[in-house]
N, C-alpha and C. Protein backbone atom coordinates (compact mmCIF):
# COMPACT_ATOMS: atom_id res chain seq x y z
N UNK A 1 16.60 31.34 -6.41
CA UNK A 1 16.73 30.26 -7.35
C UNK A 1 17.86 29.82 -7.34
N UNK A 2 18.77 28.81 -7.50
CA UNK A 2 19.91 28.76 -7.34
C UNK A 2 19.05 27.39 -9.31
N UNK A 3 19.79 28.71 -9.68
CA UNK A 3 20.33 27.96 -11.13
C UNK A 3 21.37 27.29 -11.79
N UNK A 4 21.19 26.31 -12.74
CA UNK A 4 22.69 25.58 -13.15
C UNK A 4 22.40 25.70 -14.86
N UNK A 5 23.95 25.18 -15.07
CA UNK A 5 24.11 25.06 -16.90
C UNK A 5 24.07 23.85 -16.93
N UNK A 6 22.98 23.17 -18.10
CA UNK A 6 22.52 21.71 -18.33
C UNK A 6 22.56 21.27 -19.83
N UNK A 7 22.48 20.42 -19.50
CA UNK A 7 21.46 19.78 -20.87
C UNK A 7 20.44 19.59 -20.76
N UNK A 8 19.95 19.43 -21.92
CA UNK A 8 18.38 19.33 -22.42
C UNK A 8 17.80 18.58 -23.25
N UNK A 9 17.72 16.99 -23.38
CA UNK A 9 17.71 16.24 -24.02
C UNK A 9 16.42 16.44 -25.75
N UNK A 10 16.92 16.73 -26.78
CA UNK A 10 16.05 16.67 -27.91
C UNK A 10 16.06 15.61 -28.68
N UNK A 11 15.47 15.34 -29.81
CA UNK A 11 15.34 14.79 -30.82
C UNK A 11 14.76 12.97 -29.93
N UNK A 12 14.76 12.28 -31.65
CA UNK A 12 13.45 11.96 -31.26
C UNK A 12 14.62 10.18 -30.99
N UNK A 13 13.43 9.26 -31.00
CA UNK A 13 14.80 7.74 -30.31
C UNK A 13 15.86 7.05 -30.96
N UNK A 14 17.14 7.45 -30.44
CA UNK A 14 18.45 6.99 -31.05
C UNK A 14 19.07 8.21 -32.08
N UNK A 15 18.70 9.47 -31.63
CA UNK A 15 18.28 10.80 -32.44
C UNK A 15 18.59 11.64 -31.83
N UNK A 16 19.46 11.50 -30.54
CA UNK A 16 19.88 12.48 -29.65
C UNK A 16 20.56 13.76 -30.10
N UNK A 17 20.32 14.90 -29.64
CA UNK A 17 20.65 16.10 -29.65
C UNK A 17 20.15 16.76 -28.73
N UNK A 18 21.37 17.84 -28.04
CA UNK A 18 21.10 18.35 -26.88
C UNK A 18 21.16 20.00 -26.99
N UNK A 19 20.85 20.43 -25.85
CA UNK A 19 20.36 22.16 -26.09
C UNK A 19 20.91 22.26 -25.01
N UNK A 20 22.26 23.66 -24.91
CA UNK A 20 22.56 24.21 -23.65
C UNK A 20 21.90 25.12 -23.11
N UNK A 21 21.10 24.31 -21.38
CA UNK A 21 20.19 25.95 -21.14
C UNK A 21 20.42 26.17 -19.61
N UNK A 22 19.93 27.37 -19.44
CA UNK A 22 20.15 27.89 -17.60
C UNK A 22 18.45 27.31 -16.72
N UNK A 23 18.29 26.62 -15.84
CA UNK A 23 17.65 26.06 -15.39
C UNK A 23 17.79 26.18 -13.90
N UNK A 24 16.56 26.27 -13.34
CA UNK A 24 16.49 26.51 -11.87
C UNK A 24 16.53 24.66 -11.59
N UNK A 25 17.83 24.60 -10.20
CA UNK A 25 18.15 23.13 -10.02
C UNK A 25 17.54 22.01 -9.58
N UNK A 26 15.27 22.70 -9.63
CA UNK A 26 14.64 22.32 -8.93
C UNK A 26 14.24 21.31 -10.64
N UNK A 27 13.84 22.45 -11.87
CA UNK A 27 12.98 21.33 -12.41
C UNK A 27 13.80 20.42 -13.32
N UNK A 28 13.12 19.91 -14.39
CA UNK A 28 13.21 18.65 -14.06
C UNK A 28 14.05 18.65 -15.42
N UNK A 29 14.48 17.54 -16.03
CA UNK A 29 16.16 17.53 -17.02
C UNK A 29 15.78 18.49 -18.45
N UNK A 30 14.44 18.11 -18.90
CA UNK A 30 13.64 18.40 -19.90
C UNK A 30 12.39 19.34 -20.57
N UNK A 31 12.03 19.53 -18.96
CA UNK A 31 11.42 20.73 -18.35
C UNK A 31 11.09 22.23 -18.29
N UNK A 32 10.80 23.06 -17.62
CA UNK A 32 11.05 24.67 -17.74
C UNK A 32 12.24 24.63 -18.18
N UNK A 33 13.23 25.64 -18.95
CA UNK A 33 14.41 26.97 -18.54
C UNK A 33 14.11 28.03 -18.80
N UNK A 34 15.36 28.74 -18.05
CA UNK A 34 15.36 29.76 -17.84
C UNK A 34 16.22 30.90 -19.46
N UNK A 35 16.92 30.17 -19.88
CA UNK A 35 17.64 30.80 -20.99
C UNK A 35 18.22 29.22 -21.61
N UNK A 36 18.38 29.44 -23.15
CA UNK A 36 19.55 28.65 -24.27
C UNK A 36 20.06 28.97 -24.24
N UNK A 37 21.70 28.72 -24.27
CA UNK A 37 22.91 29.36 -24.65
C UNK A 37 23.73 28.26 -25.78
N UNK A 38 22.97 27.38 -25.78
CA UNK A 38 23.88 26.84 -27.03
C UNK A 38 23.89 25.23 -27.64
N UNK A 39 24.23 24.62 -27.98
CA UNK A 39 23.52 23.29 -28.40
C UNK A 39 24.58 22.24 -28.80
N UNK A 40 24.28 20.63 -29.01
CA UNK A 40 25.58 20.40 -28.71
C UNK A 40 25.13 19.19 -29.40
N UNK A 41 25.88 18.01 -30.68
CA UNK A 41 25.25 17.62 -31.01
C UNK A 41 26.54 16.52 -31.23
N UNK A 42 26.47 15.07 -30.21
CA UNK A 42 27.53 14.52 -30.41
C UNK A 42 27.09 13.62 -31.34
N UNK A 43 26.27 13.65 -32.27
CA UNK A 43 26.25 12.18 -32.86
C UNK A 43 27.26 12.82 -34.39
N UNK A 44 27.66 13.78 -34.30
CA UNK A 44 28.20 14.33 -35.64
C UNK A 44 29.63 13.88 -35.35
N UNK A 45 30.27 14.14 -36.63
CA UNK A 45 31.88 13.50 -36.58
C UNK A 45 32.53 14.56 -36.67
N UNK A 46 33.04 15.66 -36.55
CA UNK A 46 33.96 15.01 -34.95
C UNK A 46 32.00 16.29 -33.93
N UNK A 47 32.16 15.74 -33.17
CA UNK A 47 30.51 16.38 -32.15
C UNK A 47 31.02 18.37 -32.28
N UNK A 48 29.67 18.25 -32.58
CA UNK A 48 29.37 19.62 -32.74
C UNK A 48 29.09 20.37 -31.32
N UNK A 49 29.60 21.70 -31.29
CA UNK A 49 29.31 22.18 -30.24
C UNK A 49 28.93 23.86 -30.73
N UNK A 50 27.94 24.36 -30.18
CA UNK A 50 27.83 25.98 -30.75
C UNK A 50 27.51 26.70 -28.48
N UNK A 51 28.17 27.13 -28.89
CA UNK A 51 27.79 27.79 -27.41
C UNK A 51 28.19 29.55 -27.48
N UNK A 52 27.14 29.96 -27.18
CA UNK A 52 27.28 31.87 -26.55
C UNK A 52 27.95 32.37 -25.90
N UNK A 53 28.82 32.03 -26.53
CA UNK A 53 30.31 32.54 -25.11
C UNK A 53 29.34 33.87 -24.14
N UNK A 54 29.43 34.46 -24.82
CA UNK A 54 28.76 36.20 -23.75
C UNK A 54 27.95 36.21 -23.12
N UNK A 55 26.30 35.03 -23.42
CA UNK A 55 25.77 34.60 -22.63
C UNK A 55 26.47 33.83 -21.53
N UNK A 56 27.29 32.51 -21.97
CA UNK A 56 27.26 31.54 -21.02
C UNK A 56 28.01 32.68 -19.87
N UNK A 57 28.87 33.09 -20.34
CA UNK A 57 29.72 33.89 -19.11
C UNK A 57 29.13 34.46 -18.06
N UNK A 58 28.16 35.27 -18.84
CA UNK A 58 27.25 36.21 -18.49
C UNK A 58 26.82 35.44 -16.98
N UNK A 59 25.84 34.08 -17.16
CA UNK A 59 25.78 33.54 -16.26
C UNK A 59 26.23 33.00 -15.07
N UNK A 60 27.66 32.66 -15.94
CA UNK A 60 28.52 32.12 -14.62
C UNK A 60 29.12 33.46 -14.26
N UNK A 61 28.91 34.69 -14.34
CA UNK A 61 29.08 35.74 -13.40
C UNK A 61 27.76 35.79 -12.11
N UNK A 62 26.62 35.26 -12.90
CA UNK A 62 25.79 35.60 -11.60
C UNK A 62 25.53 34.86 -10.69
N UNK A 63 26.45 32.84 -10.99
CA UNK A 63 26.17 31.95 -9.86
C UNK A 63 25.71 31.17 -10.53
N UNK A 64 25.50 30.90 -11.69
CA UNK A 64 24.84 29.66 -12.21
C UNK A 64 26.04 28.84 -12.32
N UNK A 65 25.65 27.56 -11.76
CA UNK A 65 26.81 26.26 -11.72
C UNK A 65 26.54 25.24 -12.75
N UNK A 66 27.57 25.34 -13.35
CA UNK A 66 27.61 24.40 -14.33
C UNK A 66 27.57 22.63 -14.13
N UNK A 67 26.78 21.64 -15.19
CA UNK A 67 27.14 20.32 -14.24
C UNK A 67 28.67 20.03 -15.52
N UNK A 68 29.09 18.54 -14.66
CA UNK A 68 30.36 18.19 -15.14
C UNK A 68 30.04 18.33 -16.06
N UNK A 69 29.25 17.75 -17.37
CA UNK A 69 29.20 17.16 -18.81
C UNK A 69 29.30 18.63 -19.46
N UNK A 70 28.44 19.93 -18.80
CA UNK A 70 28.81 21.41 -19.88
C UNK A 70 29.34 22.06 -19.04
N UNK A 71 30.40 21.55 -18.04
CA UNK A 71 31.63 22.58 -17.70
C UNK A 71 33.02 21.78 -18.50
N UNK A 72 32.86 20.18 -18.75
CA UNK A 72 33.36 19.86 -20.11
C UNK A 72 32.97 20.62 -21.10
N UNK A 73 32.38 20.52 -21.82
CA UNK A 73 31.78 21.10 -23.26
C UNK A 73 32.08 23.17 -23.10
N UNK A 74 31.69 23.09 -21.93
CA UNK A 74 32.54 24.81 -22.13
C UNK A 74 33.89 25.00 -22.25
N UNK A 75 34.24 24.34 -21.88
CA UNK A 75 35.93 24.43 -22.08
C UNK A 75 36.65 24.02 -23.21
N UNK A 76 35.60 23.05 -23.77
CA UNK A 76 36.15 22.44 -25.47
C UNK A 76 36.24 23.93 -26.62
N UNK A 77 34.94 24.24 -26.36
CA UNK A 77 34.15 25.21 -26.68
C UNK A 77 34.94 26.81 -26.30
N UNK A 78 36.19 26.52 -25.70
CA UNK A 78 36.54 27.82 -25.09
C UNK A 78 35.77 28.91 -24.38
N UNK A 79 34.97 28.47 -23.72
CA UNK A 79 34.21 29.76 -22.98
C UNK A 79 34.76 29.59 -21.23
N UNK A 80 34.92 28.07 -21.17
CA UNK A 80 36.40 28.13 -20.28
C UNK A 80 37.62 28.16 -19.64
N UNK A 81 38.29 28.73 -18.65
CA UNK A 81 39.70 28.74 -19.22
C UNK A 81 40.06 28.74 -17.60
N UNK A 82 40.93 28.92 -17.40
CA UNK A 82 42.42 28.48 -16.21
C UNK A 82 40.81 29.05 -14.74
N UNK A 83 39.98 30.10 -15.68
CA UNK A 83 39.65 31.05 -14.11
C UNK A 83 37.92 30.27 -14.67
N UNK A 84 37.70 29.38 -14.55
CA UNK A 84 37.01 28.39 -14.35
C UNK A 84 36.46 27.97 -12.74
N UNK A 85 34.89 28.33 -13.05
CA UNK A 85 34.25 28.85 -11.11
C UNK A 85 34.19 27.06 -10.69
N UNK A 86 34.33 27.28 -9.48
CA UNK A 86 34.74 26.12 -8.45
C UNK A 86 33.58 24.72 -8.90
N UNK A 87 34.30 23.73 -8.33
CA UNK A 87 33.30 22.27 -8.38
C UNK A 87 31.84 22.14 -7.47
N UNK A 88 30.90 21.86 -7.61
CA UNK A 88 30.39 21.77 -6.99
C UNK A 88 30.40 20.83 -5.28
N UNK A 89 29.95 21.55 -4.28
CA UNK A 89 30.38 21.37 -3.14
C UNK A 89 29.17 19.31 -3.12
N UNK A 90 30.19 18.48 -2.69
CA UNK A 90 29.80 17.18 -2.27
C UNK A 90 29.32 17.31 -0.47
N UNK A 91 27.79 16.82 -0.37
CA UNK A 91 27.36 17.07 0.73
C UNK A 91 26.64 15.98 0.80
């Protein structure tokens, strides 16, 4: 199972709020997920990023690939540093 760390949209129309989840790469955006590792609220001023760093690092070590947006959020939260996993290959 190829896993991705990505955002899952919750909240009502115009009041978006996101959960950072680990999901199978083939499941839909708001579908089934394996683990919930954090939250992201872009509507707060400043934006609120809450991440369980231990779980995030564990999933990254297991081979889960973050999406580009989640990669930048993990960097802002201090989970990823100079030893970030390589970007996804483009083919």
